[in-house]
Amino acid sequence: MTQARKAYERLVQRFERMAVLGEASAMLGWDASVMMPVGGSAARGDQFAVLASLSHEMLTAPDVGDDLALAQSEALPDAWQARNLTLMQRAYQRATALPGSL
């Protein structure tokens, strides 16, 4: 497996983990809308903030930029993977345009 392909696989794994954080956030949102106990909003807000922060840190880590550059250095085997890489690049560019404190 080439270095570019390994970089792409690392990106896929990272984005899968970030998707799981998004799913957890969605479950917390559902719970907040349906059955959150009275007085639980402060704790739920903290939970949302931690998940968003973790996801942002994962996306903006310096090695993501390195892997994106390496993965783009060589053509991927199929159009779906190439488009997936384009979407990863877009997400990275948008996330790094703002500081994590926002």
C-alpha atoms as a PDB file:
ATOM      1  CA  MET A   1       0.000   0.000   0.000  1.00  0.00           C
ATOM      2  CA  THR A   2       1.377   3.397  -0.947  1.00  0.00           C
ATOM      3  CA  GLN A   3       1.926   6.223   1.538  1.00  0.00           C
ATOM      4  CA  ALA A   4      -0.874   8.194  -0.137  1.00  0.00           C
ATOM      5  CA  ARG A   5      -3.271   5.287   0.288  1.00  0.00           C
ATOM      6  CA  LYS A   6      -2.266   4.864   3.943  1.00  0.00           C
ATOM      7  CA  ALA A   7      -2.904   8.581   4.505  1.00  0.00           C
ATOM      8  CA  TYR A   8      -6.348   8.242   2.935  1.00  0.00           C
ATOM      9  CA  GLU A   9      -7.145   5.266   5.187  1.00  0.00           C
ATOM     10  CA  ARG A  10      -6.084   7.249   8.283  1.00  0.00           C
ATOM     11  CA  LEU A  11      -8.385  10.063   7.199  1.00  0.00           C
ATOM     12  CA  VAL A  12     -11.286   7.651   6.707  1.00  0.00           C
ATOM     13  CA  GLN A  13     -10.765   6.249  10.212  1.00  0.00           C
ATOM     14  CA  ARG A  14     -10.585   9.731  11.728  1.00  0.00           C
ATOM     15  CA  PHE A  15     -13.743  10.880   9.968  1.00  0.00           C
ATOM     16  CA  GLU A  16     -15.549   7.707  11.073  1.00  0.00           C
ATOM     17  CA  ARG A  17     -14.669   8.501  14.712  1.00  0.00           C
ATOM     18  CA  MET A  18     -15.858  12.070  14.219  1.00  0.00           C
ATOM     19  CA  ALA A  19     -19.137  10.729  12.816  1.00  0.00           C
ATOM     20  CA  VAL A  20     -19.613   8.677  15.987  1.00  0.00           C
ATOM     21  CA  LEU A  21     -19.175  11.859  18.046  1.00  0.00           C
ATOM     22  CA  GLY A  22     -21.829  13.475  15.853  1.00  0.00           C
ATOM     23  CA  GLU A  23     -24.158  10.536  16.440  1.00  0.00           C
ATOM     24  CA  ALA A  24     -23.641  10.816  20.203  1.00  0.00           C
ATOM     25  CA  SER A  25     -24.450  14.517  19.999  1.00  0.00           C
ATOM     26  CA  ALA A  26     -27.619  13.718  18.048  1.00  0.00           C
ATOM     27  CA  MET A  27     -28.686  11.254  20.750  1.00  0.00           C
ATOM     28  CA  LEU A  28     -28.108  13.883  23.417  1.00  0.00           C
ATOM     29  CA  GLY A  29     -30.194  16.314  21.364  1.00  0.00           C
ATOM     30  CA  TRP A  30     -33.000  13.793  21.052  1.00  0.00           C
ATOM     31  CA  ASP A  31     -32.859  13.104  24.778  1.00  0.00           C
ATOM     32  CA  ALA A  32     -32.932  16.828  25.548  1.00  0.00           C
ATOM     33  CA  SER A  33     -36.025  17.250  23.398  1.00  0.00           C
ATOM     34  CA  VAL A  34     -37.882  14.193  24.640  1.00  0.00           C
ATOM     35  CA  MET A  35     -37.003  13.236  28.166  1.00  0.00           C
ATOM     36  CA  MET A  36     -34.349  15.394  29.782  1.00  0.00           C
ATOM     37  CA  PRO A  37     -35.153  16.012  33.438  1.00  0.00           C
ATOM     38  CA  VAL A  38     -35.844  19.502  34.685  1.00  0.00           C
ATOM     39  CA  GLY A  39     -32.588  21.262  35.534  1.00  0.00           C
ATOM     40  CA  GLY A  40     -30.508  19.117  33.227  1.00  0.00           C
ATOM     41  CA  SER A  41     -29.898  21.748  30.561  1.00  0.00           C
ATOM     42  CA  ALA A  42     -26.630  23.066  32.036  1.00  0.00           C
ATOM     43  CA  ALA A  43     -25.083  19.600  32.114  1.00  0.00           C
ATOM     44  CA  ARG A  44     -26.399  18.870  28.630  1.00  0.00           C
ATOM     45  CA  GLY A  45     -24.892  22.089  27.323  1.00  0.00           C
ATOM     46  CA  ASP A  46     -21.526  21.050  28.744  1.00  0.00           C
ATOM     47  CA  GLN A  47     -21.854  17.648  27.086  1.00  0.00           C
ATOM     48  CA  PHE A  48     -22.625  19.232  23.705  1.00  0.00           C
ATOM     49  CA  ALA A  49     -19.668  21.588  24.085  1.00  0.00           C
ATOM     50  CA  VAL A  50     -17.236  18.777  24.916  1.00  0.00           C
ATOM     51  CA  LEU A  51     -18.350  16.675  21.956  1.00  0.00           C
ATOM     52  CA  ALA A  52     -18.115  19.652  19.581  1.00  0.00           C
ATOM     53  CA  SER A  53     -14.685  20.546  20.925  1.00  0.00           C
ATOM     54  CA  LEU A  54     -13.390  16.980  20.560  1.00  0.00           C
ATOM     55  CA  SER A  55     -14.666  16.774  17.009  1.00  0.00           C
ATOM     56  CA  HIS A  56     -13.118  20.130  16.097  1.00  0.00           C
ATOM     57  CA  GLU A  57      -9.768  19.143  17.628  1.00  0.00           C
ATOM     58  CA  MET A  58      -9.788  15.880  15.681  1.00  0.00           C
ATOM     59  CA  LEU A  59     -10.544  17.696  12.438  1.00  0.00           C
ATOM     60  CA  THR A  60      -8.026  20.501  12.844  1.00  0.00           C
ATOM     61  CA  ALA A  61      -5.080  18.457  14.099  1.00  0.00           C
ATOM     62  CA  PRO A  62      -1.903  19.183  12.111  1.00  0.00           C
ATOM     63  CA  ASP A  63      -1.584  15.583  10.965  1.00  0.00           C
ATOM     64  CA  VAL A  64      -4.937  15.890   9.171  1.00  0.00           C
ATOM     65  CA  GLY A  65      -3.510  18.566   6.894  1.00  0.00           C
ATOM     66  CA  ASP A  66      -0.433  16.414   6.305  1.00  0.00           C
ATOM     67  CA  ASP A  67      -2.539  13.357   5.473  1.00  0.00           C
ATOM     68  CA  LEU A  68      -4.774  15.374   3.146  1.00  0.00           C
ATOM     69  CA  ALA A  69      -1.766  16.665   1.239  1.00  0.00           C
ATOM     70  CA  LEU A  70      -0.248  13.191   1.028  1.00  0.00           C
ATOM     71  CA  ALA A  71      -3.516  11.538  -0.020  1.00  0.00           C
ATOM     72  CA  GLN A  72      -3.985  14.122  -2.765  1.00  0.00           C
ATOM     73  CA  SER A  73      -0.507  13.490  -4.124  1.00  0.00           C
ATOM     74  CA  GLU A  74      -1.708  10.402  -5.960  1.00  0.00           C
ATOM     75  CA  ALA A  75      -4.953   9.527  -7.750  1.00  0.00           C
ATOM     76  CA  LEU A  76      -7.332   7.340  -5.760  1.00  0.00           C
ATOM     77  CA  PRO A  77      -8.616   4.121  -7.354  1.00  0.00           C
ATOM     78  CA  ASP A  78     -12.236   5.188  -7.786  1.00  0.00           C
ATOM     79  CA  ALA A  79     -14.366   8.292  -8.176  1.00  0.00           C
ATOM     80  CA  TRP A  80     -16.193   7.779  -4.866  1.00  0.00           C
ATOM     81  CA  GLN A  81     -12.960   7.883  -2.887  1.00  0.00           C
ATOM     82  CA  ALA A  82     -11.777  10.927  -4.814  1.00  0.00           C
ATOM     83  CA  ARG A  83     -15.012  12.764  -4.017  1.00  0.00           C
ATOM     84  CA  ASN A  84     -14.813  11.630  -0.397  1.00  0.00           C
ATOM     85  CA  LEU A  85     -11.310  13.100  -0.176  1.00  0.00           C
ATOM     86  CA  THR A  86     -12.586  16.369  -1.665  1.00  0.00           C
ATOM     87  CA  LEU A  87     -15.284  16.563   1.009  1.00  0.00           C
ATOM     88  CA  MET A  88     -12.731  15.830   3.742  1.00  0.00           C
ATOM     89  CA  GLN A  89     -10.547  18.634   2.392  1.00  0.00           C
ATOM     90  CA  ARG A  90     -13.495  21.038   2.395  1.00  0.00           C
ATOM     91  CA  ALA A  91     -14.385  20.147   5.992  1.00  0.00           C
ATOM     92  CA  TYR A  92     -10.769  20.656   7.048  1.00  0.00           C
ATOM     93  CA  GLN A  93     -10.493  24.021   5.292  1.00  0.00           C
ATOM     94  CA  ARG A  94     -13.712  25.275   6.860  1.00  0.00           C
ATOM     95  CA  ALA A  95     -12.743  24.066  10.333  1.00  0.00           C
ATOM     96  CA  THR A  96      -9.267  25.569  10.211  1.00  0.00           C
ATOM     97  CA  ALA A  97     -10.628  28.927   9.050  1.00  0.00           C
ATOM     98  CA  LEU A  98     -11.967  29.520  12.579  1.00  0.00           C
ATOM     99  CA  PRO A  99     -10.230  29.139  15.929  1.00  0.00           C
ATOM    100  CA  GLY A 100     -11.449  26.321  18.150  1.00  0.00           C
ATOM    101  CA  SER A 101     -12.575  28.803  20.805  1.00  0.00           C
ATOM    102  CA  LEU A 102     -15.508  29.794  18.604  1.00  0.00           C
END
